[in-house]
Amino acid sequence: MFHIALRGISHIVRATNAPPMDSPTWIALGDQGPFPSDFALQHRRATLADASPRSILQALAPHACLSVHLNPPTQTLAASAAPGVAHYFRLADGAVKPLPSDPEPIMLGQGDTYVALNPVALTLADGPAIAQFIHLRDYFNVDKLASALLAHLVEVAGVAEAPGNLTILVVESR
């Protein structure tokens, strides 16, 4: 089972009559304004059944910077990110792996977490600082991790509040 948290977004568009989260699900991080900031959650349809995250990202370009496919029955996550997207795989033991643009599909064990931030995050803090924060946080709760990361980025940047176009996605396997 996957738990998902989204923070700092201006819009969330969800498919109507969406199937429960035990069926394969696509998540696409889309664009609004100069930086991507909208999420569109698209549940698997016949046309997406054999699509890869890269092909979905390319199909949504230039209005997307991240495509994620969650498959709860196999506990796998496949992702494809545009340049400037920071995304990480955090193992339950706290080890954090920065991911390349098109990582191999990841099998998530209990307590493993995937964290993605749109390019706005890297204007507030660098990738290693973000990875260190994720490594040091042992919440095992997507909402707490997403909120804490958002607050940390605001603090590090020395701004009063998060930019309206900053977006954080946290997916945890339970």
Protein backbone atom coordinates (compact mmCIF):
# COMPACT_ATOMS: atom_id res chain seq x y z
CA MET A 1 0.00 0.00 0.00
CA PHE A 2 1.25 3.50 -0.85
CA HIS A 3 0.64 6.65 1.13
CA ILE A 4 0.98 9.93 -0.78
CA ALA A 5 1.43 13.52 0.38
CA LEU A 6 1.50 16.64 -1.80
CA ARG A 7 2.61 20.00 -0.42
CA GLY A 8 2.93 23.55 -1.63
CA ILE A 9 0.76 23.15 -4.69
CA SER A 10 -1.66 25.59 -6.20
CA HIS A 11 -3.91 22.98 -7.80
CA ILE A 12 -4.56 19.27 -7.60
CA VAL A 13 -6.57 17.70 -10.38
CA ARG A 14 -7.85 14.20 -9.63
CA ALA A 15 -9.50 11.81 -12.02
CA THR A 16 -13.19 11.44 -11.28
CA ASN A 17 -14.40 8.02 -10.20
CA ALA A 18 -10.80 7.09 -9.49
CA PRO A 19 -10.13 3.47 -8.58
CA PRO A 20 -8.76 2.69 -5.12
CA MET A 21 -5.01 3.01 -4.56
CA ASP A 22 -4.53 -0.74 -4.84
CA SER A 23 -4.63 -0.45 -8.62
CA PRO A 24 -1.76 0.97 -10.71
CA THR A 25 -1.71 4.75 -10.69
CA TRP A 26 0.05 7.44 -12.70
CA ILE A 27 1.09 10.73 -11.14
CA ALA A 28 2.23 13.54 -13.41
CA LEU A 29 3.68 16.77 -12.06
CA GLY A 30 2.59 19.46 -14.48
CA ASP A 31 3.38 23.04 -15.32
CA GLN A 32 1.86 26.41 -14.59
CA GLY A 33 3.84 29.59 -15.00
CA PRO A 34 7.64 29.65 -15.12
CA PHE A 35 8.04 26.56 -12.92
CA PRO A 36 6.03 23.34 -12.80
CA SER A 37 3.58 23.42 -9.93
CA ASP A 38 0.40 21.48 -10.68
CA PHE A 39 -0.19 17.79 -10.11
CA ALA A 40 -2.52 15.69 -12.20
CA LEU A 41 -3.31 12.29 -10.79
CA GLN A 42 -4.31 10.03 -13.66
CA HIS A 43 -5.39 6.52 -12.84
CA ARG A 44 -4.41 3.75 -15.21
CA ARG A 45 -6.45 3.54 -18.36
CA ALA A 46 -6.08 1.18 -21.28
CA THR A 47 -4.07 3.80 -23.20
CA LEU A 48 -1.57 4.06 -20.35
CA ALA A 49 -1.32 0.35 -19.61
CA ASP A 50 1.99 -0.17 -21.42
CA ALA A 51 3.30 3.38 -21.33
CA SER A 52 6.56 4.18 -19.61
CA PRO A 53 7.10 7.16 -17.30
CA ARG A 54 9.40 8.68 -19.97
CA SER A 55 6.75 8.36 -22.69
CA ILE A 56 4.12 9.94 -20.42
CA LEU A 57 6.53 12.78 -19.56
CA GLN A 58 7.26 13.36 -23.25
CA ALA A 59 3.56 13.27 -24.12
CA LEU A 60 2.81 15.90 -21.47
CA ALA A 61 5.78 18.14 -22.39
CA PRO A 62 6.22 21.01 -21.95
CA HIS A 63 3.52 20.92 -19.28
CA ALA A 64 5.12 18.29 -17.06
CA CYS A 65 8.42 17.83 -15.28
CA LEU A 66 7.80 14.50 -13.53
CA SER A 67 5.93 11.31 -14.30
CA VAL A 68 5.55 8.59 -11.66
CA HIS A 69 3.88 5.21 -12.02
CA LEU A 70 2.90 3.42 -8.80
CA ASN A 71 2.02 -0.26 -8.91
CA PRO A 72 0.72 -1.31 -5.47
CA PRO A 73 0.35 -5.04 -6.24
CA THR A 74 4.10 -5.27 -6.96
CA GLN A 75 5.09 -2.39 -4.65
CA THR A 76 7.07 -0.77 -7.46
CA LEU A 77 7.53 2.84 -8.46
CA ALA A 78 8.80 3.96 -11.85
CA ALA A 79 9.64 7.61 -12.49
CA SER A 80 10.97 9.94 -15.14
CA ALA A 81 12.05 13.48 -14.36
CA ALA A 82 12.88 16.51 -16.47
CA PRO A 83 16.10 18.45 -15.79
CA GLY A 84 15.92 20.44 -12.55
CA VAL A 85 13.67 17.99 -10.71
CA ALA A 86 15.25 16.63 -7.53
CA HIS A 87 14.03 13.17 -6.60
CA TYR A 88 15.28 10.70 -4.04
CA PHE A 89 14.76 7.17 -2.79
CA ARG A 90 14.93 6.91 1.02
CA LEU A 91 15.26 3.42 2.40
CA ALA A 92 13.59 2.58 5.71
CA ASP A 93 17.05 2.51 7.36
CA GLY A 94 17.56 6.20 6.47
CA ALA A 95 19.93 5.78 3.52
CA VAL A 96 19.10 8.27 0.76
CA LYS A 97 19.88 7.81 -2.92
CA PRO A 98 19.57 10.78 -5.30
CA LEU A 99 17.98 9.45 -8.47
CA PRO A 100 18.93 10.09 -12.10
CA SER A 101 16.34 11.42 -14.54
CA ASP A 102 15.22 7.94 -15.62
CA PRO A 103 15.98 5.48 -12.82
CA GLU A 104 15.22 1.79 -13.09
CA PRO A 105 11.87 0.89 -11.46
CA ILE A 106 12.23 0.76 -7.68
CA MET A 107 10.72 -1.92 -5.48
CA LEU A 108 9.71 -0.26 -2.22
CA GLY A 109 9.80 -2.20 1.01
CA GLN A 110 7.87 -1.26 4.11
CA GLY A 111 8.96 2.21 5.24
CA ASP A 112 10.80 3.07 2.00
CA THR A 113 10.01 6.52 0.63
CA TYR A 114 10.21 8.35 -2.69
CA VAL A 115 10.53 12.16 -2.50
CA ALA A 116 10.32 14.50 -5.50
CA LEU A 117 10.56 18.28 -5.63
CA ASN A 118 9.92 20.50 -8.62
CA PRO A 119 12.72 22.81 -9.86
CA VAL A 120 11.65 25.64 -7.53
CA ALA A 121 13.10 23.65 -4.58
CA LEU A 122 16.62 23.89 -6.02
CA THR A 123 16.33 27.69 -6.02
CA LEU A 124 15.85 27.49 -2.24
CA ALA A 125 18.42 24.80 -1.30
CA ASP A 126 20.89 22.61 -3.14
CA GLY A 127 20.37 18.90 -3.80
CA PRO A 128 22.84 17.62 -1.16
CA ALA A 129 21.20 19.77 1.55
CA ILE A 130 17.79 18.39 0.61
CA ALA A 131 19.11 14.82 0.62
CA GLN A 132 20.71 15.34 4.05
CA PHE A 133 17.43 16.65 5.46
CA ILE A 134 15.55 13.63 4.09
CA HIS A 135 18.23 11.30 5.51
CA LEU A 136 17.98 12.77 9.01
CA ARG A 137 14.19 12.62 9.21
CA ASP A 138 12.74 9.39 10.55
CA TYR A 139 9.01 10.26 10.49
CA PHE A 140 7.71 7.26 8.54
CA ASN A 141 4.72 9.48 7.86
CA VAL A 142 4.31 11.15 4.46
CA ASP A 143 2.39 14.14 5.76
CA LYS A 144 4.94 14.95 8.46
CA LEU A 145 7.89 14.52 6.10
CA ALA A 146 6.32 16.67 3.37
CA SER A 147 5.39 19.44 5.84
CA ALA A 148 8.79 19.35 7.56
CA LEU A 149 10.62 19.49 4.22
CA LEU A 150 8.51 22.44 3.09
CA ALA A 151 9.21 24.27 6.38
CA HIS A 152 12.93 23.45 6.10
CA LEU A 153 13.17 24.87 2.58
CA VAL A 154 11.45 28.08 3.72
CA GLU A 155 13.84 28.36 6.67
CA VAL A 156 16.98 27.68 4.60
CA ALA A 157 15.92 30.22 1.96
CA GLY A 158 15.21 32.82 4.64
CA VAL A 159 11.80 33.66 3.21
CA ALA A 160 8.56 34.27 5.08
CA GLU A 161 6.62 31.59 3.21
CA ALA A 162 7.07 28.99 0.51
CA PRO A 163 6.84 30.18 -3.08
CA GLY A 164 3.38 29.42 -4.44
CA ASN A 165 4.85 27.26 -7.17
CA LEU A 166 6.97 25.00 -4.93
CA THR A 167 5.74 21.42 -5.04
CA ILE A 168 6.76 18.38 -3.01
CA LEU A 169 5.60 14.80 -3.57
CA VAL A 170 6.22 12.11 -0.95
CA VAL A 171 5.25 8.47 -1.55
CA GLU A 172 5.78 5.88 1.17
CA SER A 173 5.27 2.14 1.10
CA ARG A 174 3.55 0.58 4.10
